[in-house]
């Protein structure tokens, strides 16, 4: 799902602000922040701010590193954030392909 929203990426004492470009049930694609120094396989905390009311905090492993993008695969989604994430993604899927039961 294409989306433009803020994300804070952190690991230990390091933190970077960036923007989400795409989010899915398995991970998230973000713009590569300036002064990025992470490595494939490292685990980060992602604090994704979506709209005015939704804050989703997950742990994610860096799976892809490109010149201008970072691809993260979710490593752990806290139980209380699972439903809001699935609702966000499910609502988007319903707008693309309405359910006809």
C-alpha atoms as a PDB file:
ATOM      1  CA  UNK A   1       0.000   0.000   0.000  1.00  0.00           C
ATOM      2  CA  UNK A   2       1.541   3.287  -1.049  1.00  0.00           C
ATOM      3  CA  UNK A   3       1.487   5.781   1.778  1.00  0.00           C
ATOM      4  CA  UNK A   4       3.317   8.943   2.805  1.00  0.00           C
ATOM      5  CA  UNK A   5       3.805   9.131   6.524  1.00  0.00           C
ATOM      6  CA  UNK A   6       6.487   9.797   9.129  1.00  0.00           C
ATOM      7  CA  UNK A   7       8.633   7.077  10.678  1.00  0.00           C
ATOM      8  CA  UNK A   8      11.280   7.176  13.382  1.00  0.00           C
ATOM      9  CA  UNK A   9      13.929   4.461  12.977  1.00  0.00           C
ATOM     10  CA  UNK A  10      16.038   3.694  16.044  1.00  0.00           C
ATOM     11  CA  UNK A  11      18.629   1.235  17.242  1.00  0.00           C
ATOM     12  CA  UNK A  12      20.409   1.715  20.545  1.00  0.00           C
ATOM     13  CA  UNK A  13      21.465   5.355  20.835  1.00  0.00           C
ATOM     14  CA  UNK A  14      21.052   6.055  17.090  1.00  0.00           C
ATOM     15  CA  UNK A  15      17.848   7.432  15.550  1.00  0.00           C
ATOM     16  CA  UNK A  16      16.782   8.693  12.133  1.00  0.00           C
ATOM     17  CA  UNK A  17      13.605  10.382  10.894  1.00  0.00           C
ATOM     18  CA  UNK A  18      12.268   9.375   7.510  1.00  0.00           C
ATOM     19  CA  UNK A  19       9.130   8.881   5.458  1.00  0.00           C
ATOM     20  CA  UNK A  20       7.235   5.681   4.712  1.00  0.00           C
ATOM     21  CA  UNK A  21       6.752   5.057   0.992  1.00  0.00           C
ATOM     22  CA  UNK A  22       4.971   1.704   1.122  1.00  0.00           C
ATOM     23  CA  UNK A  23       3.589  -0.540   3.867  1.00  0.00           C
ATOM     24  CA  UNK A  24       2.405  -4.143   3.716  1.00  0.00           C
ATOM     25  CA  UNK A  25       1.538  -7.062   5.981  1.00  0.00           C
ATOM     26  CA  UNK A  26       5.178  -8.205   5.918  1.00  0.00           C
ATOM     27  CA  UNK A  27       7.173  -4.988   6.020  1.00  0.00           C
ATOM     28  CA  UNK A  28       7.692  -1.378   5.135  1.00  0.00           C
ATOM     29  CA  UNK A  29       9.690   0.597   2.555  1.00  0.00           C
ATOM     30  CA  UNK A  30      11.102   3.948   3.682  1.00  0.00           C
ATOM     31  CA  UNK A  31      13.254   6.699   2.227  1.00  0.00           C
ATOM     32  CA  UNK A  32      16.870   6.280   3.199  1.00  0.00           C
ATOM     33  CA  UNK A  33      17.732   8.949   5.802  1.00  0.00           C
ATOM     34  CA  UNK A  34      20.844  11.075   5.552  1.00  0.00           C
ATOM     35  CA  UNK A  35      23.830   9.745   7.510  1.00  0.00           C
ATOM     36  CA  UNK A  36      22.383   6.216   7.448  1.00  0.00           C
ATOM     37  CA  UNK A  37      24.873   3.605   8.622  1.00  0.00           C
ATOM     38  CA  UNK A  38      22.832   0.432   9.161  1.00  0.00           C
ATOM     39  CA  UNK A  39      23.492  -3.024   7.763  1.00  0.00           C
ATOM     40  CA  UNK A  40      21.342  -5.759   6.242  1.00  0.00           C
ATOM     41  CA  UNK A  41      20.125  -8.072   8.996  1.00  0.00           C
ATOM     42  CA  UNK A  42      20.231  -5.475  11.789  1.00  0.00           C
ATOM     43  CA  UNK A  43      17.017  -5.113  13.827  1.00  0.00           C
ATOM     44  CA  UNK A  44      15.519  -1.647  14.393  1.00  0.00           C
ATOM     45  CA  UNK A  45      12.566  -0.171  16.226  1.00  0.00           C
ATOM     46  CA  UNK A  46      10.193   1.589  13.835  1.00  0.00           C
ATOM     47  CA  UNK A  47       7.697   4.096  15.188  1.00  0.00           C
ATOM     48  CA  UNK A  48       5.273   4.748  12.335  1.00  0.00           C
ATOM     49  CA  UNK A  49       2.942   7.737  12.657  1.00  0.00           C
ATOM     50  CA  UNK A  50       0.002   7.254  10.327  1.00  0.00           C
ATOM     51  CA  UNK A  51      -2.537  10.029  10.248  1.00  0.00           C
ATOM     52  CA  UNK A  52      -3.399  11.939  13.404  1.00  0.00           C
ATOM     53  CA  UNK A  53      -4.467   8.955  15.509  1.00  0.00           C
ATOM     54  CA  UNK A  54      -2.420   5.885  14.563  1.00  0.00           C
ATOM     55  CA  UNK A  55       1.035   5.169  16.022  1.00  0.00           C
ATOM     56  CA  UNK A  56       2.357   1.698  15.213  1.00  0.00           C
ATOM     57  CA  UNK A  57       5.573   0.609  16.910  1.00  0.00           C
ATOM     58  CA  UNK A  58       7.257  -2.555  15.574  1.00  0.00           C
ATOM     59  CA  UNK A  59      10.636  -4.241  15.481  1.00  0.00           C
ATOM     60  CA  UNK A  60      11.896  -4.831  11.956  1.00  0.00           C
ATOM     61  CA  UNK A  61      14.958  -6.322  10.299  1.00  0.00           C
ATOM     62  CA  UNK A  62      16.691  -4.385   7.516  1.00  0.00           C
ATOM     63  CA  UNK A  63      16.118  -6.608   4.486  1.00  0.00           C
ATOM     64  CA  UNK A  64      16.990  -4.288   1.588  1.00  0.00           C
ATOM     65  CA  UNK A  65      19.396  -1.379   1.266  1.00  0.00           C
ATOM     66  CA  UNK A  66      19.290   0.746  -1.895  1.00  0.00           C
ATOM     67  CA  UNK A  67      20.716   4.155  -2.787  1.00  0.00           C
ATOM     68  CA  UNK A  68      17.555   5.975  -1.708  1.00  0.00           C
ATOM     69  CA  UNK A  69      15.384   3.384   0.051  1.00  0.00           C
ATOM     70  CA  UNK A  70      15.424   0.942   2.963  1.00  0.00           C
ATOM     71  CA  UNK A  71      13.263  -2.163   3.063  1.00  0.00           C
ATOM     72  CA  UNK A  72      12.354  -3.574   6.479  1.00  0.00           C
ATOM     73  CA  UNK A  73      10.725  -6.941   7.240  1.00  0.00           C
ATOM     74  CA  UNK A  74       8.716  -7.061  10.451  1.00  0.00           C
ATOM     75  CA  UNK A  75      10.494  -9.065  13.147  1.00  0.00           C
ATOM     76  CA  UNK A  76       7.953  -8.461  15.928  1.00  0.00           C
ATOM     77  CA  UNK A  77       4.626  -6.682  16.011  1.00  0.00           C
ATOM     78  CA  UNK A  78       3.332  -6.065  19.549  1.00  0.00           C
ATOM     79  CA  UNK A  79      -0.030  -7.722  20.091  1.00  0.00           C
ATOM     80  CA  UNK A  80      -1.790  -4.391  20.718  1.00  0.00           C
ATOM     81  CA  UNK A  81      -0.545  -3.061  17.337  1.00  0.00           C
ATOM     82  CA  UNK A  82      -1.549  -6.069  15.216  1.00  0.00           C
ATOM     83  CA  UNK A  83      -5.231  -5.135  14.849  1.00  0.00           C
ATOM     84  CA  UNK A  84      -4.574  -1.452  13.971  1.00  0.00           C
ATOM     85  CA  UNK A  85      -2.015  -2.528  11.329  1.00  0.00           C
ATOM     86  CA  UNK A  86      -4.324  -5.156   9.802  1.00  0.00           C
ATOM     87  CA  UNK A  87      -7.243  -2.689   9.853  1.00  0.00           C
ATOM     88  CA  UNK A  88      -5.109  -0.130   8.022  1.00  0.00           C
ATOM     89  CA  UNK A  89      -4.054  -2.650   5.381  1.00  0.00           C
ATOM     90  CA  UNK A  90      -7.466  -4.322   5.153  1.00  0.00           C
ATOM     91  CA  UNK A  91      -9.231  -1.002   4.682  1.00  0.00           C
ATOM     92  CA  UNK A  92      -6.852  -0.174   1.850  1.00  0.00           C
ATOM     93  CA  UNK A  93      -7.412  -3.574   0.202  1.00  0.00           C
ATOM     94  CA  UNK A  94     -11.177  -3.122   0.490  1.00  0.00           C
ATOM     95  CA  UNK A  95     -10.941   0.215  -1.345  1.00  0.00           C
ATOM     96  CA  UNK A  96      -8.976  -1.439  -4.158  1.00  0.00           C
ATOM     97  CA  UNK A  97     -11.133  -4.551  -4.457  1.00  0.00           C
ATOM     98  CA  UNK A  98     -14.466  -4.153  -2.675  1.00  0.00           C
ATOM     99  CA  UNK A  99     -15.754  -7.290  -1.011  1.00  0.00           C
ATOM    100  CA  UNK A 100     -18.731  -8.799  -2.790  1.00  0.00           C
ATOM    101  CA  UNK A 101     -20.015 -11.617  -0.607  1.00  0.00           C
END
